[in-house]
C-alpha atoms as a PDB file:
ATOM      1  CA  UNK A   1     -36.022   1.188  -7.102  1.00  0.00           C
ATOM      2  CA  UNK A   2     -36.811   3.998  -4.544  1.00  0.00           C
ATOM      3  CA  UNK A   3     -38.852   1.220  -2.238  1.00  0.00           C
ATOM      4  CA  UNK A   4     -35.721  -0.989  -2.075  1.00  0.00           C
ATOM      5  CA  UNK A   5     -33.603   1.895  -1.355  1.00  0.00           C
ATOM      6  CA  UNK A   6     -35.855   3.315   1.305  1.00  0.00           C
ATOM      7  CA  UNK A   7     -36.065  -0.331   2.964  1.00  0.00           C
ATOM      8  CA  UNK A   8     -32.087  -0.729   2.704  1.00  0.00           C
ATOM      9  CA  UNK A   9     -31.540   2.950   4.255  1.00  0.00           C
ATOM     10  CA  UNK A  10     -33.850   1.773   7.236  1.00  0.00           C
ATOM     11  CA  UNK A  11     -31.954  -1.324   7.787  1.00  0.00           C
ATOM     12  CA  UNK A  12     -28.755   0.747   7.672  1.00  0.00           C
ATOM     13  CA  UNK A  13     -30.153   2.995  10.323  1.00  0.00           C
ATOM     14  CA  UNK A  14     -31.611   0.025  12.500  1.00  0.00           C
ATOM     15  CA  UNK A  15     -28.226  -1.458  12.519  1.00  0.00           C
ATOM     16  CA  UNK A  16     -26.403   1.748  13.453  1.00  0.00           C
ATOM     17  CA  UNK A  17     -28.729   2.269  16.352  1.00  0.00           C
ATOM     18  CA  UNK A  18     -28.298  -1.299  17.500  1.00  0.00           C
ATOM     19  CA  UNK A  19     -24.590  -0.794  17.658  1.00  0.00           C
ATOM     20  CA  UNK A  20     -25.068   2.541  19.660  1.00  0.00           C
ATOM     21  CA  UNK A  21     -27.517   0.969  22.014  1.00  0.00           C
ATOM     22  CA  UNK A  22     -25.033  -2.070  22.455  1.00  0.00           C
ATOM     23  CA  UNK A  23     -22.089  -0.001  23.072  1.00  0.00           C
ATOM     24  CA  UNK A  24     -23.884   2.226  25.710  1.00  0.00           C
ATOM     25  CA  UNK A  25     -26.052  -0.290  27.259  1.00  0.00           C
ATOM     26  CA  UNK A  26     -24.853   0.468  30.806  1.00  0.00           C
ATOM     27  CA  UNK A  27     -24.530   4.290  30.095  1.00  0.00           C
ATOM     28  CA  UNK A  28     -26.918   6.686  29.137  1.00  0.00           C
ATOM     29  CA  UNK A  29     -25.894   8.825  26.042  1.00  0.00           C
ATOM     30  CA  UNK A  30     -24.904  12.650  27.256  1.00  0.00           C
ATOM     31  CA  UNK A  31     -27.198  15.395  25.999  1.00  0.00           C
ATOM     32  CA  UNK A  32     -25.921  17.417  23.162  1.00  0.00           C
ATOM     33  CA  UNK A  33     -25.557  21.064  24.395  1.00  0.00           C
ATOM     34  CA  UNK A  34     -26.488  24.400  22.971  1.00  0.00           C
ATOM     35  CA  UNK A  35     -22.840  25.406  22.646  1.00  0.00           C
ATOM     36  CA  UNK A  36     -20.604  22.255  22.442  1.00  0.00           C
ATOM     37  CA  UNK A  37     -17.117  22.296  24.173  1.00  0.00           C
ATOM     38  CA  UNK A  38     -15.564  22.642  20.922  1.00  0.00           C
ATOM     39  CA  UNK A  39     -17.679  25.575  19.987  1.00  0.00           C
ATOM     40  CA  UNK A  40     -14.420  27.505  19.117  1.00  0.00           C
ATOM     41  CA  UNK A  41     -14.222  25.320  16.027  1.00  0.00           C
ATOM     42  CA  UNK A  42     -17.333  26.585  14.659  1.00  0.00           C
ATOM     43  CA  UNK A  43     -16.430  30.439  15.584  1.00  0.00           C
ATOM     44  CA  UNK A  44     -13.118  29.897  13.812  1.00  0.00           C
ATOM     45  CA  UNK A  45     -14.497  27.902  10.890  1.00  0.00           C
ATOM     46  CA  UNK A  46     -13.343  28.777   7.398  1.00  0.00           C
ATOM     47  CA  UNK A  47     -15.199  27.250   4.422  1.00  0.00           C
ATOM     48  CA  UNK A  48     -13.091  24.630   2.680  1.00  0.00           C
ATOM     49  CA  UNK A  49     -13.494  23.936  -1.171  1.00  0.00           C
ATOM     50  CA  UNK A  50     -14.831  20.511  -2.540  1.00  0.00           C
ATOM     51  CA  UNK A  51     -15.581  18.796  -5.457  1.00  0.00           C
ATOM     52  CA  UNK A  52     -18.475  20.136  -7.306  1.00  0.00           C
ATOM     53  CA  UNK A  53     -17.883  23.808  -6.070  1.00  0.00           C
ATOM     54  CA  UNK A  54     -17.959  26.576  -8.725  1.00  0.00           C
ATOM     55  CA  UNK A  55     -14.924  28.853  -8.383  1.00  0.00           C
ATOM     56  CA  UNK A  56     -14.387  32.300  -9.879  1.00  0.00           C
ATOM     57  CA  UNK A  57     -10.786  33.096 -10.292  1.00  0.00           C
ATOM     58  CA  UNK A  58      -9.702  36.584 -10.981  1.00  0.00           C
ATOM     59  CA  UNK A  59      -6.135  37.230 -12.003  1.00  0.00           C
ATOM     60  CA  UNK A  60      -5.596  41.061 -12.069  1.00  0.00           C
ATOM     61  CA  UNK A  61      -4.729  42.425 -15.276  1.00  0.00           C
ATOM     62  CA  UNK A  62      -4.980  38.892 -16.835  1.00  0.00           C
ATOM     63  CA  UNK A  63      -8.539  38.264 -18.026  1.00  0.00           C
ATOM     64  CA  UNK A  64      -7.279  35.691 -20.314  1.00  0.00           C
ATOM     65  CA  UNK A  65      -6.322  33.248 -17.355  1.00  0.00           C
ATOM     66  CA  UNK A  66      -9.446  34.365 -15.285  1.00  0.00           C
ATOM     67  CA  UNK A  67     -12.540  32.649 -15.308  1.00  0.00           C
ATOM     68  CA  UNK A  68     -15.148  30.334 -13.590  1.00  0.00           C
ATOM     69  CA  UNK A  69     -14.151  26.645 -13.066  1.00  0.00           C
ATOM     70  CA  UNK A  70     -15.726  23.579 -11.397  1.00  0.00           C
ATOM     71  CA  UNK A  71     -13.829  21.523  -9.051  1.00  0.00           C
ATOM     72  CA  UNK A  72     -13.743  17.852 -10.499  1.00  0.00           C
ATOM     73  CA  UNK A  73     -14.474  14.725  -8.432  1.00  0.00           C
ATOM     74  CA  UNK A  74     -10.758  14.429  -7.842  1.00  0.00           C
ATOM     75  CA  UNK A  75     -10.656  17.673  -6.287  1.00  0.00           C
ATOM     76  CA  UNK A  76      -8.690  19.509  -9.146  1.00  0.00           C
ATOM     77  CA  UNK A  77      -9.281  22.115 -11.610  1.00  0.00           C
ATOM     78  CA  UNK A  78      -7.775  22.881 -15.092  1.00  0.00           C
ATOM     79  CA  UNK A  79      -7.019  26.391 -16.067  1.00  0.00           C
ATOM     80  CA  UNK A  80      -5.670  27.609 -19.455  1.00  0.00           C
ATOM     81  CA  UNK A  81      -2.176  27.649 -18.128  1.00  0.00           C
ATOM     82  CA  UNK A  82      -2.131  24.648 -15.908  1.00  0.00           C
ATOM     83  CA  UNK A  83      -3.864  21.441 -16.289  1.00  0.00           C
ATOM     84  CA  UNK A  84      -3.966  20.145 -12.976  1.00  0.00           C
ATOM     85  CA  UNK A  85      -4.275  22.302  -9.694  1.00  0.00           C
ATOM     86  CA  UNK A  86      -5.246  20.645  -6.521  1.00  0.00           C
ATOM     87  CA  UNK A  87      -7.930  22.753  -4.823  1.00  0.00           C
ATOM     88  CA  UNK A  88     -10.182  20.576  -2.318  1.00  0.00           C
ATOM     89  CA  UNK A  89      -9.490  21.047   1.157  1.00  0.00           C
ATOM     90  CA  UNK A  90      -8.145  24.686   0.851  1.00  0.00           C
ATOM     91  CA  UNK A  91      -9.821  27.841   1.834  1.00  0.00           C
ATOM     92  CA  UNK A  92     -10.253  30.154  -1.092  1.00  0.00           C
ATOM     93  CA  UNK A  93      -7.517  32.491   0.340  1.00  0.00           C
ATOM     94  CA  UNK A  94      -5.146  29.596   0.587  1.00  0.00           C
ATOM     95  CA  UNK A  95      -5.813  28.581  -2.867  1.00  0.00           C
ATOM     96  CA  UNK A  96      -5.338  32.274  -4.183  1.00  0.00           C
ATOM     97  CA  UNK A  97      -2.037  32.205  -2.527  1.00  0.00           C
ATOM     98  CA  UNK A  98      -1.176  28.710  -4.313  1.00  0.00           C
ATOM     99  CA  UNK A  99      -2.250  30.030  -7.577  1.00  0.00           C
ATOM    100  CA  UNK A 100      -0.190  33.221  -7.445  1.00  0.00           C
ATOM    101  CA  UNK A 101       3.057  30.821  -6.821  1.00  0.00           C
ATOM    102  CA  UNK A 102       2.177  28.609  -9.856  1.00  0.00           C
ATOM    103  CA  UNK A 103       1.176  31.649 -12.102  1.00  0.00           C
ATOM    104  CA  UNK A 104       4.504  33.303 -10.891  1.00  0.00           C
ATOM    105  CA  UNK A 105       6.328  30.912 -13.373  1.00  0.00           C
ATOM    106  CA  UNK A 106       4.539  32.460 -16.363  1.00  0.00           C
ATOM    107  CA  UNK A 107       3.424  36.082 -15.250  1.00  0.00           C
ATOM    108  CA  UNK A 108       5.100  38.844 -13.350  1.00  0.00           C
ATOM    109  CA  UNK A 109       3.601  39.347  -9.878  1.00  0.00           C
ATOM    110  CA  UNK A 110       0.275  37.866 -10.173  1.00  0.00           C
ATOM    111  CA  UNK A 111      -2.334  38.790  -7.877  1.00  0.00           C
ATOM    112  CA  UNK A 112      -5.351  36.358  -7.678  1.00  0.00           C
ATOM    113  CA  UNK A 113      -8.743  36.564  -6.056  1.00  0.00           C
ATOM    114  CA  UNK A 114     -10.835  33.446  -5.556  1.00  0.00           C
ATOM    115  CA  UNK A 115     -14.458  33.480  -4.729  1.00  0.00           C
ATOM    116  CA  UNK A 116     -17.024  30.415  -4.456  1.00  0.00           C
ATOM    117  CA  UNK A 117     -20.204  30.714  -6.523  1.00  0.00           C
ATOM    118  CA  UNK A 118     -21.850  27.442  -5.810  1.00  0.00           C
ATOM    119  CA  UNK A 119     -20.997  25.718  -2.467  1.00  0.00           C
ATOM    120  CA  UNK A 120     -21.117  21.844  -1.875  1.00  0.00           C
ATOM    121  CA  UNK A 121     -17.687  21.608   0.224  1.00  0.00           C
ATOM    122  CA  UNK A 122     -15.886  18.401   1.171  1.00  0.00           C
ATOM    123  CA  UNK A 123     -17.537  15.253   2.452  1.00  0.00           C
ATOM    124  CA  UNK A 124     -15.778  15.699   5.573  1.00  0.00           C
ATOM    125  CA  UNK A 125     -17.327  19.155   6.414  1.00  0.00           C
ATOM    126  CA  UNK A 126     -21.097  17.968   5.472  1.00  0.00           C
ATOM    127  CA  UNK A 127     -23.748  17.128   8.028  1.00  0.00           C
ATOM    128  CA  UNK A 128     -25.595  14.076   7.178  1.00  0.00           C
ATOM    129  CA  UNK A 129     -29.137  13.181   8.360  1.00  0.00           C
ATOM    130  CA  UNK A 130     -30.439   9.818   7.879  1.00  0.00           C
ATOM    131  CA  UNK A 131     -33.500   7.731   8.966  1.00  0.00           C
ATOM    132  CA  UNK A 132     -37.027   9.058   9.551  1.00  0.00           C
ATOM    133  CA  UNK A 133     -36.355  12.733   7.994  1.00  0.00           C
ATOM    134  CA  UNK A 134     -38.540  13.843   5.420  1.00  0.00           C
ATOM    135  CA  UNK A 135     -35.588  13.968   2.863  1.00  0.00           C
ATOM    136  CA  UNK A 136     -32.708  12.374   4.348  1.00  0.00           C
ATOM    137  CA  UNK A 137     -29.476  13.925   2.770  1.00  0.00           C
ATOM    138  CA  UNK A 138     -26.074  15.532   3.297  1.00  0.00           C
ATOM    139  CA  UNK A 139     -26.254  19.161   3.813  1.00  0.00           C
ATOM    140  CA  UNK A 140     -22.986  21.586   3.239  1.00  0.00           C
ATOM    141  CA  UNK A 141     -22.137  23.113   6.809  1.00  0.00           C
ATOM    142  CA  UNK A 142     -22.826  26.884   7.452  1.00  0.00           C
ATOM    143  CA  UNK A 143     -21.021  28.465  10.138  1.00  0.00           C
ATOM    144  CA  UNK A 144     -23.233  28.808  13.470  1.00  0.00           C
ATOM    145  CA  UNK A 145     -25.843  26.297  11.967  1.00  0.00           C
ATOM    146  CA  UNK A 146     -28.057  24.850  14.463  1.00  0.00           C
ATOM    147  CA  UNK A 147     -30.081  21.549  14.430  1.00  0.00           C
ATOM    148  CA  UNK A 148     -33.252  23.449  13.684  1.00  0.00           C
ATOM    149  CA  UNK A 149     -31.574  24.932  10.423  1.00  0.00           C
ATOM    150  CA  UNK A 150     -30.912  21.373   9.642  1.00  0.00           C
ATOM    151  CA  UNK A 151     -34.220  20.045  10.232  1.00  0.00           C
ATOM    152  CA  UNK A 152     -35.824  22.708   8.110  1.00  0.00           C
ATOM    153  CA  UNK A 153     -33.498  21.569   5.116  1.00  0.00           C
ATOM    154  CA  UNK A 154     -34.492  18.029   5.435  1.00  0.00           C
ATOM    155  CA  UNK A 155     -38.211  18.912   5.744  1.00  0.00           C
ATOM    156  CA  UNK A 156     -38.827  17.833   9.187  1.00  0.00           C
ATOM    157  CA  UNK A 157     -39.681  14.389  10.438  1.00  0.00           C
ATOM    158  CA  UNK A 158     -41.846  11.592   8.772  1.00  0.00           C
ATOM    159  CA  UNK A 159     -44.976  10.794  10.509  1.00  0.00           C
ATOM    160  CA  UNK A 160     -42.977   7.291  11.805  1.00  0.00           C
ATOM    161  CA  UNK A 161     -40.156   9.165  13.358  1.00  0.00           C
ATOM    162  CA  UNK A 162     -39.076   9.060  17.043  1.00  0.00           C
ATOM    163  CA  UNK A 163     -37.426  12.331  17.231  1.00  0.00           C
ATOM    164  CA  UNK A 164     -36.766  12.206  20.719  1.00  0.00           C
ATOM    165  CA  UNK A 165     -34.542   9.097  20.571  1.00  0.00           C
ATOM    166  CA  UNK A 166     -32.590  10.570  17.718  1.00  0.00           C
ATOM    167  CA  UNK A 167     -28.691  10.443  17.928  1.00  0.00           C
ATOM    168  CA  UNK A 168     -26.025  12.925  17.294  1.00  0.00           C
ATOM    169  CA  UNK A 169     -22.725  11.361  16.079  1.00  0.00           C
ATOM    170  CA  UNK A 170     -19.743  13.754  16.291  1.00  0.00           C
ATOM    171  CA  UNK A 171     -15.856  13.314  16.027  1.00  0.00           C
ATOM    172  CA  UNK A 172     -14.219  15.112  18.831  1.00  0.00           C
ATOM    173  CA  UNK A 173     -10.222  15.197  19.173  1.00  0.00           C
ATOM    174  CA  UNK A 174     -10.257  12.123  16.730  1.00  0.00           C
ATOM    175  CA  UNK A 175     -12.820  10.241  18.849  1.00  0.00           C
ATOM    176  CA  UNK A 176     -16.298   9.370  17.768  1.00  0.00           C
ATOM    177  CA  UNK A 177     -18.841  10.390  20.320  1.00  0.00           C
ATOM    178  CA  UNK A 178     -22.536  10.177  20.605  1.00  0.00           C
ATOM    179  CA  UNK A 179     -25.040  12.523  22.014  1.00  0.00           C
ATOM    180  CA  UNK A 180     -28.858  12.361  22.527  1.00  0.00           C
ATOM    181  CA  UNK A 181     -30.948  15.024  20.688  1.00  0.00           C
ATOM    182  CA  UNK A 182     -34.582  15.973  21.228  1.00  0.00           C
ATOM    183  CA  UNK A 183     -36.010  16.806  17.792  1.00  0.00           C
ATOM    184  CA  UNK A 184     -39.699  16.244  18.733  1.00  0.00           C
ATOM    185  CA  UNK A 185     -39.370  18.702  21.643  1.00  0.00           C
ATOM    186  CA  UNK A 186     -37.551  21.375  19.282  1.00  0.00           C
ATOM    187  CA  UNK A 187     -39.962  21.032  16.286  1.00  0.00           C
ATOM    188  CA  UNK A 188     -43.341  20.219  18.035  1.00  0.00           C
ATOM    189  CA  UNK A 189     -42.955  21.727  21.579  1.00  0.00           C
ATOM    190  CA  UNK A 190     -41.029  24.660  20.653  1.00  0.00           C
ATOM    191  CA  UNK A 191     -38.309  23.874  23.232  1.00  0.00           C
ATOM    192  CA  UNK A 192     -35.324  26.158  22.204  1.00  0.00           C
ATOM    193  CA  UNK A 193     -32.976  24.683  24.487  1.00  0.00           C
ATOM    194  CA  UNK A 194     -33.184  21.405  22.380  1.00  0.00           C
ATOM    195  CA  UNK A 195     -31.695  23.566  19.358  1.00  0.00           C
ATOM    196  CA  UNK A 196     -28.290  22.620  19.621  1.00  0.00           C
ATOM    197  CA  UNK A 197     -25.409  23.786  17.397  1.00  0.00           C
ATOM    198  CA  UNK A 198     -23.899  21.845  14.897  1.00  0.00           C
ATOM    199  CA  UNK A 199     -20.580  21.075  13.701  1.00  0.00           C
ATOM    200  CA  UNK A 200     -18.745  20.184  10.438  1.00  0.00           C
ATOM    201  CA  UNK A 201     -18.949  16.305  10.015  1.00  0.00           C
ATOM    202  CA  UNK A 202     -21.987  15.701  12.338  1.00  0.00           C
ATOM    203  CA  UNK A 203     -24.164  12.854  11.724  1.00  0.00           C
ATOM    204  CA  UNK A 204     -27.795  12.633  12.774  1.00  0.00           C
ATOM    205  CA  UNK A 205     -29.668   9.196  12.903  1.00  0.00           C
ATOM    206  CA  UNK A 206     -33.477   9.476  13.500  1.00  0.00           C
ATOM    207  CA  UNK A 207     -35.179   6.227  14.396  1.00  0.00           C
ATOM    208  CA  UNK A 208     -38.582   5.063  13.559  1.00  0.00           C
ATOM    209  CA  UNK A 209     -41.007   4.898  16.463  1.00  0.00           C
ATOM    210  CA  UNK A 210     -41.906   1.546  17.826  1.00  0.00           C
ATOM    211  CA  UNK A 211     -45.948   1.412  18.235  1.00  0.00           C
END
């Protein structure tokens, strides 16, 4: 099963790269910069709750409605007073205020604090690494995360990877853009300028080298 999955994944990566090359046949991809033009998004980043997160909800002076809750795949949680509360896509502070409004029906002046004990985050915020990474996977974005941080989490490159032909796919102002990144220079040569900043939702495509 793993062999067929790996083969299928390589085919998908090859198709994605073919589309990128075709779209950019007359134009060279721009190089990703250390600090992207929309770096302000990273500086102002606030964690959004996603399915699978474990939330600790504390209601002051009401331990019976406090507790730890796992966010369901539909983005909701169930508490002792309310069966379905939509939580995915909200910051912990936004969720705390929402829960206070809901609990005000049952309790007098509720004060709620929400903390996240286990982080996964929504799919739209995750960084995906596909192709010739040692462990291709989706990674939860962390503020000020860099390409080096991502490559450490995926275990680096395989022996067949062409890291200097890797492509970064990013959504900017609702438009999909591609940038060239130089993973070999970063990991093998220690070229710090190749250590570009990541943003939520980035996709890194690492092709196989042609020998």
